[in-house]
Every structure is written in C-alpha cells, then in structure tokens.
C-alpha cells in the first residue's frame, strides 16, 4: 500500500500533443468581424517538441516544451480598403509554466 502511494509513472505524449495541436490550429479563423476583416491559419502548422503525462500519488500532471510555427493570412481594413496580408507566428519554448492559469 505505501509503495503505490509514492509511485511515479511518466508517459510520452509528444506524438499525441503535436498531432492534436496541429489539428486544432489547422485552418483556424483567429479573428473576424462584420467588415470582412479576418486572420486565418494557413494549412497545418509545424508543431514539435516534447510532452509528458506524469502520474504521481494518484494525480496526473502534464509537462511540455513545444515549438509551434503557423503561417497565417487574412484581410485587414487600411484606409477603408480591405487589403490582403500574411505572415508567420512562431512560439518557441511553450511550456506549462508559460501557459495562462
């Protein structure tokens, strides 16, 4: 009984995490409004890094260090004209410590 209370098990969740984040961000509309402005993720983003699920004392915790790079495109209103725009967003060293509460 006592030994199981202090067990520590780590499971690699890197493949699941990178695929899931890529699926969630694929073609995601980040912002849009009634004026026709929008920002949308282009294709599938690049997601890499490590993710681990830790089971300890009957509780589960996650630990991750991920890098996400997305190409985006959209239209923005500049001087009452909708203009096409695009760019790249890169999040490096995204960790559980940097996540919002």
C-alpha atoms as a PDB file:
ATOM      1  CA  UNK A   1       0.000   0.000   0.000  1.00  0.00           C
ATOM      2  CA  UNK A   2       2.711   2.505   0.950  1.00  0.00           C
ATOM      3  CA  UNK A   3       4.813   1.898  -2.157  1.00  0.00           C
ATOM      4  CA  UNK A   4       1.916   2.597  -4.535  1.00  0.00           C
ATOM      5  CA  UNK A   5       1.230   5.935  -2.839  1.00  0.00           C
ATOM      6  CA  UNK A   6       4.629   7.202  -3.943  1.00  0.00           C
ATOM      7  CA  UNK A   7       4.764   5.690  -7.426  1.00  0.00           C
ATOM      8  CA  UNK A   8       5.808   7.909 -10.309  1.00  0.00           C
ATOM      9  CA  UNK A   9       4.933   6.998 -13.894  1.00  0.00           C
ATOM     10  CA  UNK A  10       5.821   9.072 -16.953  1.00  0.00           C
ATOM     11  CA  UNK A  11       4.148   8.517 -20.317  1.00  0.00           C
ATOM     12  CA  UNK A  12       5.382  10.126 -23.528  1.00  0.00           C
ATOM     13  CA  UNK A  13       2.544  12.153 -25.063  1.00  0.00           C
ATOM     14  CA  UNK A  14       4.656  14.024 -27.628  1.00  0.00           C
ATOM     15  CA  UNK A  15       3.144  12.447 -30.730  1.00  0.00           C
ATOM     16  CA  UNK A  16      -0.416  12.896 -29.481  1.00  0.00           C
ATOM     17  CA  UNK A  17       0.202  16.515 -28.405  1.00  0.00           C
ATOM     18  CA  UNK A  18       1.853  17.605 -31.645  1.00  0.00           C
ATOM     19  CA  UNK A  19      -0.849  15.975 -33.799  1.00  0.00           C
ATOM     20  CA  UNK A  20      -3.691  17.331 -31.660  1.00  0.00           C
ATOM     21  CA  UNK A  21      -2.378  20.908 -31.659  1.00  0.00           C
ATOM     22  CA  UNK A  22      -1.824  20.728 -35.410  1.00  0.00           C
ATOM     23  CA  UNK A  23      -5.421  19.517 -35.898  1.00  0.00           C
ATOM     24  CA  UNK A  24      -6.848  22.230 -33.640  1.00  0.00           C
ATOM     25  CA  UNK A  25      -4.973  25.033 -35.416  1.00  0.00           C
ATOM     26  CA  UNK A  26      -5.495  23.762 -38.995  1.00  0.00           C
ATOM     27  CA  UNK A  27      -7.358  26.463 -40.962  1.00  0.00           C
ATOM     28  CA  UNK A  28      -8.484  28.091 -37.694  1.00  0.00           C
ATOM     29  CA  UNK A  29     -10.040  31.534 -38.021  1.00  0.00           C
ATOM     30  CA  UNK A  30      -8.348  33.533 -35.281  1.00  0.00           C
ATOM     31  CA  UNK A  31     -10.278  36.764 -35.733  1.00  0.00           C
ATOM     32  CA  UNK A  32     -13.049  38.057 -37.964  1.00  0.00           C
ATOM     33  CA  UNK A  33     -15.586  40.853 -37.976  1.00  0.00           C
ATOM     34  CA  UNK A  34     -18.596  42.174 -39.878  1.00  0.00           C
ATOM     35  CA  UNK A  35     -16.380  44.408 -42.028  1.00  0.00           C
ATOM     36  CA  UNK A  36     -14.837  41.430 -43.823  1.00  0.00           C
ATOM     37  CA  UNK A  37     -11.584  41.502 -41.875  1.00  0.00           C
ATOM     38  CA  UNK A  38     -10.155  38.158 -40.783  1.00  0.00           C
ATOM     39  CA  UNK A  39      -6.996  36.316 -39.822  1.00  0.00           C
ATOM     40  CA  UNK A  40      -6.801  32.582 -40.550  1.00  0.00           C
ATOM     41  CA  UNK A  41      -4.175  29.895 -40.038  1.00  0.00           C
ATOM     42  CA  UNK A  42      -2.904  28.573 -43.369  1.00  0.00           C
ATOM     43  CA  UNK A  43      -2.709  24.791 -43.783  1.00  0.00           C
ATOM     44  CA  UNK A  44      -1.283  22.686 -40.962  1.00  0.00           C
ATOM     45  CA  UNK A  45       1.158  24.358 -38.573  1.00  0.00           C
ATOM     46  CA  UNK A  46       4.543  22.915 -37.680  1.00  0.00           C
ATOM     47  CA  UNK A  47       4.459  21.597 -34.116  1.00  0.00           C
ATOM     48  CA  UNK A  48       7.455  19.975 -32.440  1.00  0.00           C
ATOM     49  CA  UNK A  49       8.803  19.303 -29.003  1.00  0.00           C
ATOM     50  CA  UNK A  50       8.122  17.076 -26.036  1.00  0.00           C
ATOM     51  CA  UNK A  51       5.050  16.366 -23.933  1.00  0.00           C
ATOM     52  CA  UNK A  52       4.809  14.038 -20.959  1.00  0.00           C
ATOM     53  CA  UNK A  53       1.968  12.915 -18.708  1.00  0.00           C
ATOM     54  CA  UNK A  54       3.155  12.252 -15.166  1.00  0.00           C
ATOM     55  CA  UNK A  55       1.125  10.142 -12.747  1.00  0.00           C
ATOM     56  CA  UNK A  56       2.115  10.623  -9.139  1.00  0.00           C
ATOM     57  CA  UNK A  57       0.230   9.796  -5.970  1.00  0.00           C
ATOM     58  CA  UNK A  58      -2.957   9.145  -7.909  1.00  0.00           C
ATOM     59  CA  UNK A  59      -2.878  12.524  -9.671  1.00  0.00           C
ATOM     60  CA  UNK A  60      -1.906  13.400 -13.230  1.00  0.00           C
ATOM     61  CA  UNK A  61       0.223  16.333 -14.352  1.00  0.00           C
ATOM     62  CA  UNK A  62       1.412  17.434 -17.762  1.00  0.00           C
ATOM     63  CA  UNK A  63       4.843  18.698 -18.674  1.00  0.00           C
ATOM     64  CA  UNK A  64       5.638  20.021 -22.123  1.00  0.00           C
ATOM     65  CA  UNK A  65       8.103  22.078 -24.068  1.00  0.00           C
ATOM     66  CA  UNK A  66       6.695  22.779 -27.517  1.00  0.00           C
ATOM     67  CA  UNK A  67       7.502  24.891 -30.529  1.00  0.00           C
ATOM     68  CA  UNK A  68       4.669  25.980 -32.804  1.00  0.00           C
ATOM     69  CA  UNK A  69       5.024  27.784 -36.110  1.00  0.00           C
ATOM     70  CA  UNK A  70       1.983  28.860 -38.113  1.00  0.00           C
ATOM     71  CA  UNK A  71       1.606  30.631 -41.418  1.00  0.00           C
ATOM     72  CA  UNK A  72      -1.377  32.964 -41.449  1.00  0.00           C
ATOM     73  CA  UNK A  73      -3.230  35.106 -43.945  1.00  0.00           C
ATOM     74  CA  UNK A  74      -6.154  37.460 -43.942  1.00  0.00           C
ATOM     75  CA  UNK A  75      -7.654  40.777 -44.878  1.00  0.00           C
ATOM     76  CA  UNK A  76      -7.439  43.989 -42.869  1.00  0.00           C
ATOM     77  CA  UNK A  77      -9.048  47.371 -43.360  1.00  0.00           C
ATOM     78  CA  UNK A  78      -6.475  50.004 -44.314  1.00  0.00           C
ATOM     79  CA  UNK A  79      -7.911  53.427 -45.164  1.00  0.00           C
ATOM     80  CA  UNK A  80     -11.362  51.908 -45.864  1.00  0.00           C
ATOM     81  CA  UNK A  81      -9.904  49.319 -48.259  1.00  0.00           C
ATOM     82  CA  UNK A  82      -9.638  45.605 -47.480  1.00  0.00           C
ATOM     83  CA  UNK A  83      -6.022  44.609 -48.066  1.00  0.00           C
ATOM     84  CA  UNK A  84      -4.615  41.095 -48.126  1.00  0.00           C
ATOM     85  CA  UNK A  85      -1.961  40.347 -45.542  1.00  0.00           C
ATOM     86  CA  UNK A  86       0.011  37.323 -44.378  1.00  0.00           C
ATOM     87  CA  UNK A  87       2.770  36.347 -42.028  1.00  0.00           C
ATOM     88  CA  UNK A  88       4.296  33.800 -39.714  1.00  0.00           C
ATOM     89  CA  UNK A  89       3.893  33.342 -35.965  1.00  0.00           C
ATOM     90  CA  UNK A  90       6.464  31.333 -34.040  1.00  0.00           C
ATOM     91  CA  UNK A  91       6.061  30.275 -30.420  1.00  0.00           C
ATOM     92  CA  UNK A  92       9.243  28.767 -29.048  1.00  0.00           C
ATOM     93  CA  UNK A  93       9.652  27.109 -25.677  1.00  0.00           C
ATOM     94  CA  UNK A  94       5.936  26.977 -24.908  1.00  0.00           C
ATOM     95  CA  UNK A  95       5.845  25.271 -21.504  1.00  0.00           C
ATOM     96  CA  UNK A  96       3.276  24.547 -18.820  1.00  0.00           C
ATOM     97  CA  UNK A  97       4.890  27.365 -16.842  1.00  0.00           C
ATOM     98  CA  UNK A  98       4.157  29.861 -19.630  1.00  0.00           C
ATOM     99  CA  UNK A  99       0.522  28.778 -20.025  1.00  0.00           C
ATOM    100  CA  UNK A 100      -2.212  31.032 -18.630  1.00  0.00           C
ATOM    101  CA  UNK A 101      -3.842  29.838 -15.388  1.00  0.00           C
END
